[in-house]
C-alpha atoms as a PDB file:
ATOM      1  CA  MET A   1      -2.907 -12.691 -13.150  1.00  0.00           C
ATOM      2  CA  THR A   2      -4.159 -16.247 -13.018  1.00  0.00           C
ATOM      3  CA  GLU A   3      -7.543 -17.083 -14.517  1.00  0.00           C
ATOM      4  CA  ALA A   4      -8.998 -17.717 -11.062  1.00  0.00           C
ATOM      5  CA  LEU A   5      -7.890 -14.308  -9.841  1.00  0.00           C
ATOM      6  CA  HIS A   6      -9.188 -12.675 -13.001  1.00  0.00           C
ATOM      7  CA  GLU A   7     -12.610 -14.183 -12.274  1.00  0.00           C
ATOM      8  CA  SER A   8     -12.460 -12.791  -8.718  1.00  0.00           C
ATOM      9  CA  LEU A   9     -11.348  -9.335  -9.834  1.00  0.00           C
ATOM     10  CA  PRO A  10     -14.547  -7.413  -8.962  1.00  0.00           C
ATOM     11  CA  GLU A  11     -14.432  -8.874  -5.455  1.00  0.00           C
ATOM     12  CA  ILE A  12     -10.714  -8.094  -5.144  1.00  0.00           C
ATOM     13  CA  GLN A  13     -11.271  -4.499  -6.262  1.00  0.00           C
ATOM     14  CA  GLU A  14     -14.191  -3.943  -3.888  1.00  0.00           C
ATOM     15  CA  ALA A  15     -12.246  -5.398  -0.955  1.00  0.00           C
ATOM     16  CA  LEU A  16      -9.273  -3.064  -1.423  1.00  0.00           C
ATOM     17  CA  ILE A  17     -11.347   0.093  -1.910  1.00  0.00           C
ATOM     18  CA  ALA A  18     -13.531  -0.716   1.103  1.00  0.00           C
ATOM     19  CA  TRP A  19     -10.430  -1.335   3.238  1.00  0.00           C
ATOM     20  CA  TYR A  20      -8.898   1.973   2.164  1.00  0.00           C
ATOM     21  CA  GLU A  21     -12.051   4.019   2.625  1.00  0.00           C
ATOM     22  CA  ALA A  22     -12.700   2.532   6.064  1.00  0.00           C
ATOM     23  CA  ASP A  23      -9.331   3.622   7.464  1.00  0.00           C
ATOM     24  CA  HIS A  24      -6.156   5.073   5.980  1.00  0.00           C
ATOM     25  CA  ARG A  25      -3.284   7.337   6.906  1.00  0.00           C
ATOM     26  CA  GLU A  26      -4.303  10.980   6.780  1.00  0.00           C
ATOM     27  CA  PHE A  27      -2.064  13.166   4.633  1.00  0.00           C
ATOM     28  CA  PRO A  28      -3.282  16.666   3.746  1.00  0.00           C
ATOM     29  CA  TRP A  29      -2.661  16.238   0.013  1.00  0.00           C
ATOM     30  CA  ARG A  30      -5.149  13.381   0.025  1.00  0.00           C
ATOM     31  CA  ARG A  31      -7.838  15.926   0.888  1.00  0.00           C
ATOM     32  CA  THR A  32      -7.252  18.103  -2.170  1.00  0.00           C
ATOM     33  CA  GLU A  33      -7.768  17.774  -5.900  1.00  0.00           C
ATOM     34  CA  ASP A  34      -5.682  20.859  -6.696  1.00  0.00           C
ATOM     35  CA  PRO A  35      -3.043  19.720  -9.230  1.00  0.00           C
ATOM     36  CA  TYR A  36      -0.539  22.326  -8.020  1.00  0.00           C
ATOM     37  CA  GLU A  37      -0.771  21.156  -4.410  1.00  0.00           C
ATOM     38  CA  ILE A  38      -0.534  17.525  -5.506  1.00  0.00           C
ATOM     39  CA  LEU A  39       2.482  18.206  -7.720  1.00  0.00           C
ATOM     40  CA  VAL A  40       4.289  19.867  -4.807  1.00  0.00           C
ATOM     41  CA  SER A  41       3.582  16.843  -2.579  1.00  0.00           C
ATOM     42  CA  GLU A  42       4.775  14.401  -5.238  1.00  0.00           C
ATOM     43  CA  VAL A  43       8.044  16.244  -5.851  1.00  0.00           C
ATOM     44  CA  MET A  44       8.719  16.577  -2.133  1.00  0.00           C
ATOM     45  CA  SER A  45       7.980  12.891  -1.510  1.00  0.00           C
ATOM     46  CA  GLN A  46      10.610  11.657  -3.957  1.00  0.00           C
ATOM     47  CA  GLN A  47      13.392  11.716  -1.366  1.00  0.00           C
ATOM     48  CA  THR A  48      11.696  12.428   1.947  1.00  0.00           C
ATOM     49  CA  GLN A  49       9.639  10.353   4.366  1.00  0.00           C
ATOM     50  CA  LEU A  50       5.973  11.247   4.199  1.00  0.00           C
ATOM     51  CA  GLY A  51       5.761  12.240   7.842  1.00  0.00           C
ATOM     52  CA  ARG A  52       8.415  14.904   7.302  1.00  0.00           C
ATOM     53  CA  VAL A  53       6.853  16.061   4.047  1.00  0.00           C
ATOM     54  CA  VAL A  54       3.653  17.226   5.768  1.00  0.00           C
ATOM     55  CA  GLU A  55       5.277  20.138   7.598  1.00  0.00           C
ATOM     56  CA  ALA A  56       7.336  21.177   4.560  1.00  0.00           C
ATOM     57  CA  TRP A  57       4.334  20.927   2.208  1.00  0.00           C
ATOM     58  CA  GLU A  58       2.162  23.085   4.444  1.00  0.00           C
ATOM     59  CA  ALA A  59       4.916  25.683   4.848  1.00  0.00           C
ATOM     60  CA  PHE A  60       5.616  25.744   1.110  1.00  0.00           C
ATOM     61  CA  LEU A  61       1.959  26.359   0.280  1.00  0.00           C
ATOM     62  CA  GLU A  62       1.723  29.052   2.916  1.00  0.00           C
ATOM     63  CA  GLU A  63       4.652  30.794   1.195  1.00  0.00           C
ATOM     64  CA  TRP A  64       3.476  30.148  -2.384  1.00  0.00           C
ATOM     65  CA  PRO A  65      -0.223  29.173  -2.236  1.00  0.00           C
ATOM     66  CA  THR A  66      -0.861  29.056  -6.001  1.00  0.00           C
ATOM     67  CA  VAL A  67       1.006  28.052  -9.119  1.00  0.00           C
ATOM     68  CA  GLU A  68       1.016  31.731 -10.121  1.00  0.00           C
ATOM     69  CA  ALA A  69       2.658  32.696  -6.830  1.00  0.00           C
ATOM     70  CA  LEU A  70       5.379  30.094  -7.305  1.00  0.00           C
ATOM     71  CA  ALA A  71       5.955  31.149 -10.920  1.00  0.00           C
ATOM     72  CA  GLU A  72       6.539  34.736  -9.767  1.00  0.00           C
ATOM     73  CA  ALA A  73       8.854  33.745  -6.905  1.00  0.00           C
ATOM     74  CA  ASP A  74      12.599  34.251  -6.938  1.00  0.00           C
ATOM     75  CA  ARG A  75      14.219  30.915  -7.751  1.00  0.00           C
ATOM     76  CA  GLY A  76      16.825  31.444  -5.072  1.00  0.00           C
ATOM     77  CA  ASP A  77      14.095  31.678  -2.449  1.00  0.00           C
ATOM     78  CA  VAL A  78      12.565  28.408  -3.632  1.00  0.00           C
ATOM     79  CA  VAL A  79      15.929  26.637  -3.563  1.00  0.00           C
ATOM     80  CA  GLY A  80      16.637  28.131  -0.133  1.00  0.00           C
ATOM     81  CA  PHE A  81      13.357  26.740   1.175  1.00  0.00           C
ATOM     82  CA  TRP A  82      14.224  23.312  -0.238  1.00  0.00           C
ATOM     83  CA  THR A  83      17.621  23.329   1.444  1.00  0.00           C
ATOM     84  CA  SER A  84      16.345  24.558   4.805  1.00  0.00           C
ATOM     85  CA  HIS A  85      13.752  21.742   4.905  1.00  0.00           C
ATOM     86  CA  SER A  86      16.243  19.027   3.839  1.00  0.00           C
ATOM     87  CA  LEU A  87      14.127  17.975   0.856  1.00  0.00           C
ATOM     88  CA  GLY A  88      16.899  16.408  -1.194  1.00  0.00           C
ATOM     89  CA  TYR A  89      18.426  17.502  -4.467  1.00  0.00           C
ATOM     90  CA  ASN A  90      18.068  21.233  -5.115  1.00  0.00           C
ATOM     91  CA  ASN A  91      17.464  20.498  -8.796  1.00  0.00           C
ATOM     92  CA  ARG A  92      13.966  19.343  -7.844  1.00  0.00           C
ATOM     93  CA  ALA A  93      13.221  22.808  -6.466  1.00  0.00           C
ATOM     94  CA  LYS A  94      14.506  24.402  -9.674  1.00  0.00           C
ATOM     95  CA  TYR A  95      12.428  22.061 -11.839  1.00  0.00           C
ATOM     96  CA  LEU A  96       9.306  22.664  -9.739  1.00  0.00           C
ATOM     97  CA  HIS A  97       9.753  26.406 -10.113  1.00  0.00           C
ATOM     98  CA  GLU A  98      10.239  26.079 -13.876  1.00  0.00           C
ATOM     99  CA  ALA A  99       7.195  23.786 -14.161  1.00  0.00           C
ATOM    100  CA  ALA A 100       5.087  26.468 -12.435  1.00  0.00           C
ATOM    101  CA  ARG A 101       6.280  29.016 -14.974  1.00  0.00           C
ATOM    102  CA  GLN A 102       5.368  26.645 -17.806  1.00  0.00           C
ATOM    103  CA  VAL A 103       1.852  26.153 -16.456  1.00  0.00           C
ATOM    104  CA  VAL A 104       1.344  29.915 -16.210  1.00  0.00           C
ATOM    105  CA  GLU A 105       2.956  30.865 -19.519  1.00  0.00           C
ATOM    106  CA  ALA A 106       2.063  27.926 -21.761  1.00  0.00           C
ATOM    107  CA  TYR A 107      -1.230  26.785 -20.213  1.00  0.00           C
ATOM    108  CA  ASP A 108      -2.594  30.075 -18.859  1.00  0.00           C
ATOM    109  CA  GLY A 109      -2.417  28.738 -15.316  1.00  0.00           C
ATOM    110  CA  ALA A 110      -4.514  25.609 -15.976  1.00  0.00           C
ATOM    111  CA  PHE A 111      -2.685  22.323 -15.518  1.00  0.00           C
ATOM    112  CA  PRO A 112      -2.845  19.717 -18.294  1.00  0.00           C
ATOM    113  CA  THR A 113      -5.134  16.865 -17.269  1.00  0.00           C
ATOM    114  CA  GLU A 114      -3.579  13.866 -19.044  1.00  0.00           C
ATOM    115  CA  PRO A 115      -0.356  12.051 -18.043  1.00  0.00           C
ATOM    116  CA  ASP A 116       1.324  12.445 -21.462  1.00  0.00           C
ATOM    117  CA  GLU A 117       0.835  16.209 -21.497  1.00  0.00           C
ATOM    118  CA  LEU A 118       1.839  16.595 -17.846  1.00  0.00           C
ATOM    119  CA  GLN A 119       5.187  15.040 -18.756  1.00  0.00           C
ATOM    120  CA  GLU A 120       5.910  18.140 -20.839  1.00  0.00           C
ATOM    121  CA  LEU A 121       6.433  20.037 -17.579  1.00  0.00           C
ATOM    122  CA  MET A 122      10.019  20.421 -16.397  1.00  0.00           C
ATOM    123  CA  GLY A 123      11.139  17.621 -14.098  1.00  0.00           C
ATOM    124  CA  VAL A 124       7.850  15.723 -14.343  1.00  0.00           C
ATOM    125  CA  GLY A 125       8.497  12.111 -15.315  1.00  0.00           C
ATOM    126  CA  PRO A 126       5.997   9.346 -16.089  1.00  0.00           C
ATOM    127  CA  TYR A 127       5.361   8.420 -12.449  1.00  0.00           C
ATOM    128  CA  THR A 128       4.772  11.979 -11.216  1.00  0.00           C
ATOM    129  CA  ALA A 129       2.657  12.845 -14.264  1.00  0.00           C
ATOM    130  CA  ASN A 130       0.472   9.817 -13.676  1.00  0.00           C
ATOM    131  CA  ALA A 131       0.137  10.582  -9.973  1.00  0.00           C
ATOM    132  CA  VAL A 132      -0.983  14.163 -10.640  1.00  0.00           C
ATOM    133  CA  ALA A 133      -3.421  13.003 -13.327  1.00  0.00           C
ATOM    134  CA  SER A 134      -4.815  10.359 -10.973  1.00  0.00           C
ATOM    135  CA  PHE A 135      -5.172  12.357  -7.787  1.00  0.00           C
ATOM    136  CA  ALA A 136      -6.143  15.709  -9.301  1.00  0.00           C
ATOM    137  CA  PHE A 137      -8.222  14.695 -12.324  1.00  0.00           C
ATOM    138  CA  ASN A 138      -8.962  10.959 -11.922  1.00  0.00           C
ATOM    139  CA  THR A 139      -7.567  10.471 -15.441  1.00  0.00           C
ATOM    140  CA  GLY A 140      -4.424   8.484 -14.655  1.00  0.00           C
ATOM    141  CA  ASN A 141      -3.277   4.988 -15.383  1.00  0.00           C
ATOM    142  CA  ALA A 142      -2.401   2.516 -12.651  1.00  0.00           C
ATOM    143  CA  VAL A 143       0.571   3.703 -10.610  1.00  0.00           C
ATOM    144  CA  VAL A 144       3.482   1.260 -10.557  1.00  0.00           C
ATOM    145  CA  ASP A 145       6.089   2.063  -7.913  1.00  0.00           C
ATOM    146  CA  THR A 146       8.220  -0.182  -5.704  1.00  0.00           C
ATOM    147  CA  ASN A 147       5.403  -0.681  -3.183  1.00  0.00           C
ATOM    148  CA  VAL A 148       2.889  -1.605  -5.891  1.00  0.00           C
ATOM    149  CA  LYS A 149       5.328  -4.057  -7.484  1.00  0.00           C
ATOM    150  CA  ARG A 150       5.802  -5.720  -4.111  1.00  0.00           C
ATOM    151  CA  VAL A 151       2.046  -6.040  -3.595  1.00  0.00           C
ATOM    152  CA  LEU A 152       1.398  -7.467  -7.075  1.00  0.00           C
ATOM    153  CA  HIS A 153       4.297  -9.903  -6.856  1.00  0.00           C
ATOM    154  CA  ARG A 154       3.197 -11.250  -3.500  1.00  0.00           C
ATOM    155  CA  ALA A 155      -0.555 -11.204  -3.972  1.00  0.00           C
ATOM    156  CA  PHE A 156      -0.863 -12.386  -7.562  1.00  0.00           C
ATOM    157  CA  ASP A 157       2.547 -13.967  -8.226  1.00  0.00           C
ATOM    158  CA  VAL A 158       3.287 -11.418 -10.976  1.00  0.00           C
ATOM    159  CA  PRO A 159       6.815 -12.082 -12.316  1.00  0.00           C
ATOM    160  CA  ASP A 160       9.570  -9.565 -11.623  1.00  0.00           C
ATOM    161  CA  ASP A 161       9.319  -7.835 -14.976  1.00  0.00           C
ATOM    162  CA  ASP A 162       8.369  -4.189 -15.550  1.00  0.00           C
ATOM    163  CA  SER A 163       6.029  -4.901 -18.445  1.00  0.00           C
ATOM    164  CA  ALA A 164       4.305  -7.657 -16.471  1.00  0.00           C
ATOM    165  CA  PHE A 165       3.848  -5.340 -13.493  1.00  0.00           C
ATOM    166  CA  GLU A 166       2.410  -2.577 -15.677  1.00  0.00           C
ATOM    167  CA  ALA A 167      -0.026  -4.960 -17.354  1.00  0.00           C
ATOM    168  CA  ALA A 168      -1.163  -6.489 -14.054  1.00  0.00           C
ATOM    169  CA  ALA A 169      -1.527  -3.110 -12.370  1.00  0.00           C
ATOM    170  CA  GLN A 170      -3.641  -1.778 -15.207  1.00  0.00           C
ATOM    171  CA  GLU A 171      -5.811  -4.897 -15.281  1.00  0.00           C
ATOM    172  CA  ALA A 172      -6.382  -4.722 -11.533  1.00  0.00           C
ATOM    173  CA  MET A 173      -7.485  -1.074 -11.498  1.00  0.00           C
ATOM    174  CA  PRO A 174     -11.220  -0.427 -11.974  1.00  0.00           C
ATOM    175  CA  GLU A 175     -11.785   1.688 -15.064  1.00  0.00           C
ATOM    176  CA  GLY A 176     -12.108   5.389 -14.309  1.00  0.00           C
ATOM    177  CA  GLU A 177     -11.130   4.950 -10.648  1.00  0.00           C
ATOM    178  CA  SER A 178      -7.468   5.953 -10.706  1.00  0.00           C
ATOM    179  CA  ARG A 179      -7.798   8.428  -7.815  1.00  0.00           C
ATOM    180  CA  VAL A 180      -9.088   6.043  -5.161  1.00  0.00           C
ATOM    181  CA  TRP A 181      -7.412   2.941  -6.572  1.00  0.00           C
ATOM    182  CA  ASN A 182      -3.874   4.309  -6.756  1.00  0.00           C
ATOM    183  CA  ASN A 183      -4.186   5.774  -3.271  1.00  0.00           C
ATOM    184  CA  ALA A 184      -5.524   2.446  -1.992  1.00  0.00           C
ATOM    185  CA  ILE A 185      -2.934   0.126  -3.503  1.00  0.00           C
ATOM    186  CA  MET A 186      -0.069   2.394  -2.427  1.00  0.00           C
ATOM    187  CA  GLU A 187      -1.571   2.472   1.071  1.00  0.00           C
ATOM    188  CA  LEU A 188      -1.673  -1.322   1.026  1.00  0.00           C
ATOM    189  CA  GLY A 189       2.012  -1.455   0.136  1.00  0.00           C
ATOM    190  CA  GLY A 190       2.905   1.122   2.758  1.00  0.00           C
ATOM    191  CA  VAL A 191       0.806  -0.162   5.654  1.00  0.00           C
ATOM    192  CA  ALA A 192       0.158  -3.899   5.240  1.00  0.00           C
ATOM    193  CA  CYS A 193       2.578  -5.216   2.628  1.00  0.00           C
ATOM    194  CA  GLY A 194       5.869  -3.528   3.436  1.00  0.00           C
ATOM    195  CA  LYS A 195       9.210  -5.294   3.347  1.00  0.00           C
ATOM    196  CA  LYS A 196       8.130  -6.839   6.631  1.00  0.00           C
ATOM    197  CA  PRO A 197       4.482  -7.747   5.972  1.00  0.00           C
ATOM    198  CA  ARG A 198       1.748  -7.043   8.526  1.00  0.00           C
ATOM    199  CA  CYS A 199      -1.039  -9.065   6.919  1.00  0.00           C
ATOM    200  CA  ASP A 200      -3.210  -9.726   9.939  1.00  0.00           C
ATOM    201  CA  GLU A 201      -2.250  -6.736  12.044  1.00  0.00           C
ATOM    202  CA  ALA A 202      -3.235  -4.360   9.215  1.00  0.00           C
ATOM    203  CA  GLY A 203      -6.257  -6.415   8.177  1.00  0.00           C
ATOM    204  CA  CYS A 204      -4.987  -6.855   4.621  1.00  0.00           C
ATOM    205  CA  PRO A 205      -8.094  -7.143   2.423  1.00  0.00           C
ATOM    206  CA  TRP A 206      -6.400  -9.500  -0.037  1.00  0.00           C
ATOM    207  CA  ARG A 207      -5.464 -12.334   2.308  1.00  0.00           C
ATOM    208  CA  ALA A 208      -8.110 -14.658   0.888  1.00  0.00           C
ATOM    209  CA  TRP A 209      -6.535 -14.435  -2.599  1.00  0.00           C
ATOM    210  CA  CYS A 210      -2.890 -13.724  -1.760  1.00  0.00           C
ATOM    211  CA  HIS A 211      -0.292 -16.156  -3.087  1.00  0.00           C
ATOM    212  CA  ALA A 212       2.264 -15.119  -0.453  1.00  0.00           C
ATOM    213  CA  TYR A 213      -0.203 -15.438   2.413  1.00  0.00           C
ATOM    214  CA  GLU A 214      -1.135 -18.925   1.234  1.00  0.00           C
ATOM    215  CA  THR A 215       2.430 -20.165   0.718  1.00  0.00           C
ATOM    216  CA  GLY A 216       4.284 -18.214   3.401  1.00  0.00           C
ATOM    217  CA  ASP A 217       6.788 -16.981   0.797  1.00  0.00           C
ATOM    218  CA  PHE A 218       6.956 -13.200   1.186  1.00  0.00           C
ATOM    219  CA  THR A 219       9.916 -12.546  -1.062  1.00  0.00           C
ATOM    220  CA  ALA A 220       9.498  -9.671  -3.519  1.00  0.00           C
ATOM    221  CA  PRO A 221      11.623  -7.656  -5.983  1.00  0.00           C
ATOM    222  CA  ASP A 222      12.871  -5.409  -3.166  1.00  0.00           C
ATOM    223  CA  VAL A 223      12.887  -8.196  -0.548  1.00  0.00           C
ATOM    224  CA  PRO A 224      15.488 -10.683  -1.813  1.00  0.00           C
ATOM    225  CA  THR A 225      15.484 -12.955   1.211  1.00  0.00           C
ATOM    226  CA  GLN A 226      12.351 -14.517   2.620  1.00  0.00           C
ATOM    227  CA  PRO A 227      11.432 -13.318   6.113  1.00  0.00           C
ATOM    228  CA  SER A 228      11.961 -16.169   8.546  1.00  0.00           C
ATOM    229  CA  PHE A 229       8.830 -15.520  10.570  1.00  0.00           C
ATOM    230  CA  GLU A 230       5.939 -14.380   8.340  1.00  0.00           C
ATOM    231  CA  GLY A 231       3.849 -17.359   7.246  1.00  0.00           C
ATOM    232  CA  SER A 232       5.761 -19.840   9.431  1.00  0.00           C
ATOM    233  CA  ARG A 233       4.370 -22.366  11.895  1.00  0.00           C
ATOM    234  CA  ARG A 234       5.936 -20.265  14.641  1.00  0.00           C
ATOM    235  CA  GLN A 235       3.853 -17.293  13.533  1.00  0.00           C
ATOM    236  CA  PHE A 236       0.595 -19.261  13.592  1.00  0.00           C
ATOM    237  CA  ARG A 237       1.451 -20.788  16.961  1.00  0.00           C
ATOM    238  CA  GLY A 238       1.768 -17.237  18.243  1.00  0.00           C
ATOM    239  CA  ARG A 239      -1.610 -16.319  16.768  1.00  0.00           C
ATOM    240  CA  ILE A 240      -3.235 -19.277  18.524  1.00  0.00           C
ATOM    241  CA  VAL A 241      -1.804 -18.255  21.897  1.00  0.00           C
ATOM    242  CA  ARG A 242      -2.869 -14.614  21.436  1.00  0.00           C
ATOM    243  CA  THR A 243      -6.370 -15.611  20.297  1.00  0.00           C
ATOM    244  CA  LEU A 244      -6.925 -18.029  23.154  1.00  0.00           C
ATOM    245  CA  GLY A 245      -5.621 -15.377  25.523  1.00  0.00           C
ATOM    246  CA  GLU A 246      -8.420 -13.135  24.297  1.00  0.00           C
ATOM    247  CA  TYR A 247     -11.232 -15.715  24.261  1.00  0.00           C
ATOM    248  CA  ASP A 248     -10.035 -18.123  26.994  1.00  0.00           C
ATOM    249  CA  GLU A 249     -11.269 -21.115  25.020  1.00  0.00           C
ATOM    250  CA  LEU A 250     -12.659 -21.800  21.571  1.00  0.00           C
ATOM    251  CA  PRO A 251     -13.947 -24.779  19.613  1.00  0.00           C
ATOM    252  CA  LEU A 252     -11.545 -25.620  16.779  1.00  0.00           C
ATOM    253  CA  ASP A 253     -14.127 -24.698  14.167  1.00  0.00           C
ATOM    254  CA  GLU A 254     -14.148 -21.155  15.575  1.00  0.00           C
ATOM    255  CA  LEU A 255     -10.429 -20.938  16.332  1.00  0.00           C
ATOM    256  CA  GLY A 256      -9.264 -21.853  12.813  1.00  0.00           C
ATOM    257  CA  PRO A 257     -10.863 -18.925  10.937  1.00  0.00           C
ATOM    258  CA  ARG A 258      -9.691 -16.503  13.625  1.00  0.00           C
ATOM    259  CA  ILE A 259      -6.026 -17.302  13.047  1.00  0.00           C
ATOM    260  CA  ARG A 260      -6.095 -17.767   9.282  1.00  0.00           C
ATOM    261  CA  VAL A 261      -8.434 -15.993   6.883  1.00  0.00           C
ATOM    262  CA  ASP A 262      -8.116 -18.811   4.310  1.00  0.00           C
ATOM    263  CA  TYR A 263      -8.681 -21.578   6.852  1.00  0.00           C
ATOM    264  CA  GLY A 264      -9.751 -24.765   5.121  1.00  0.00           C
ATOM    265  CA  GLY A 265      -8.340 -27.148   2.544  1.00  0.00           C
ATOM    266  CA  ASP A 266      -4.591 -27.606   3.020  1.00  0.00           C
ATOM    267  CA  HIS A 267      -4.716 -25.311   6.026  1.00  0.00           C
ATOM    268  CA  GLY A 268      -7.763 -26.847   7.669  1.00  0.00           C
ATOM    269  CA  ARG A 269      -8.550 -29.036  10.634  1.00  0.00           C
ATOM    270  CA  GLU A 270      -5.553 -31.395  10.334  1.00  0.00           C
ATOM    271  CA  TRP A 271      -3.129 -28.453  10.024  1.00  0.00           C
ATOM    272  CA  LEU A 272      -4.648 -26.733  13.082  1.00  0.00           C
ATOM    273  CA  GLU A 273      -4.579 -29.926  15.154  1.00  0.00           C
ATOM    274  CA  GLY A 274      -0.872 -30.282  14.359  1.00  0.00           C
ATOM    275  CA  LEU A 275      -0.150 -26.791  15.668  1.00  0.00           C
ATOM    276  CA  LEU A 276      -2.227 -27.407  18.793  1.00  0.00           C
ATOM    277  CA  SER A 277      -0.429 -30.705  19.381  1.00  0.00           C
ATOM    278  CA  ASP A 278       2.911 -28.855  19.374  1.00  0.00           C
ATOM    279  CA  LEU A 279       1.590 -26.233  21.779  1.00  0.00           C
ATOM    280  CA  GLU A 280       0.094 -28.914  24.012  1.00  0.00           C
ATOM    281  CA  SER A 281       3.456 -30.709  24.144  1.00  0.00           C
ATOM    282  CA  ASP A 282       5.054 -27.410  25.165  1.00  0.00           C
ATOM    283  CA  GLY A 283       2.545 -27.078  28.002  1.00  0.00           C
ATOM    284  CA  LEU A 284       0.958 -23.927  26.565  1.00  0.00           C
ATOM    285  CA  VAL A 285      -2.528 -25.117  25.609  1.00  0.00           C
ATOM    286  CA  ALA A 286      -5.021 -27.778  26.576  1.00  0.00           C
ATOM    287  CA  VAL A 287      -7.160 -29.619  24.034  1.00  0.00           C
ATOM    288  CA  GLU A 288     -10.167 -31.678  25.096  1.00  0.00           C
ATOM    289  CA  ASP A 289     -13.298 -33.196  23.625  1.00  0.00           C
ATOM    290  CA  ARG A 290     -16.624 -32.036  25.010  1.00  0.00           C
ATOM    291  CA  GLU A 291     -19.755 -33.735  23.787  1.00  0.00           C
ATOM    292  CA  GLY A 292     -18.313 -34.382  20.354  1.00  0.00           C
ATOM    293  CA  GLU A 293     -16.704 -30.933  20.042  1.00  0.00           C
ATOM    294  CA  THR A 294     -12.964 -30.314  20.351  1.00  0.00           C
ATOM    295  CA  VAL A 295     -12.122 -27.244  22.439  1.00  0.00           C
ATOM    296  CA  ALA A 296      -8.747 -25.520  22.896  1.00  0.00           C
ATOM    297  CA  SER A 297      -7.789 -23.321  25.827  1.00  0.00           C
ATOM    298  CA  LEU A 298      -4.672 -21.788  27.351  1.00  0.00           C
ATOM    299  CA  ARG A 299      -3.092 -23.584  30.274  1.00  0.00           C
ATOM    300  CA  ARG A 300      -3.143 -21.315  33.324  1.00  0.00           C
END
């Protein structure tokens, strides 16, 4: 992270957590701190869209509600469930069943609480171990998946390097807050900062600090070509028309902040007047001075 962003870190952290807690997608595993239930959701999510996982997760837990129940189950039944719900490679079902047996036999039914020890379970790699530690015990490190890499690269210009991503992710996470933070930053990547970003529509809480939002360059490690629309003049022209359609008319000092959260500086009054001039030439808006105040409105 840059020095300026490092200085703003408490504000950045508070903004993301507040955004997440105000409104987020509801998945049932987000309402539990049971490590068994969370492990099942993580394994199922590895190859399946989250919307489809919900039904399978609920049915799986109805069949085998505890880690002890799964450990005692016939492996063929577990694999059959996996196949019938199209949950991807059957090996994951076998590993999940074996991991349940390990928890019962080696840990007396109590899950390990730290990521390193969770990795001793069959089929549980670093990412899954960290997710279970975070969401069940609040003892995890910062999660770094494809969505998180995309967010960090765009927001803070973190270079496309695994060690750089891990360092930045860990620095960004408030100490001792892995449960809410990892949920929040993954939600940001899934809802606001996907391959096609939805900065304003999703109310991204990091727009004021975001390198991509400032520059209009939304490339990322998994987005090799820059979207042609996001951050372009065409996009902001569209925002002006939509905003004036809602308010009928606005003084420029009120219009600017409504179409760009970082309005000011390089993207201030002169930039806005240029966009309005284009729209006026196209016959879409009218701009007039009223008692020393410039007001924009849609042409009817």
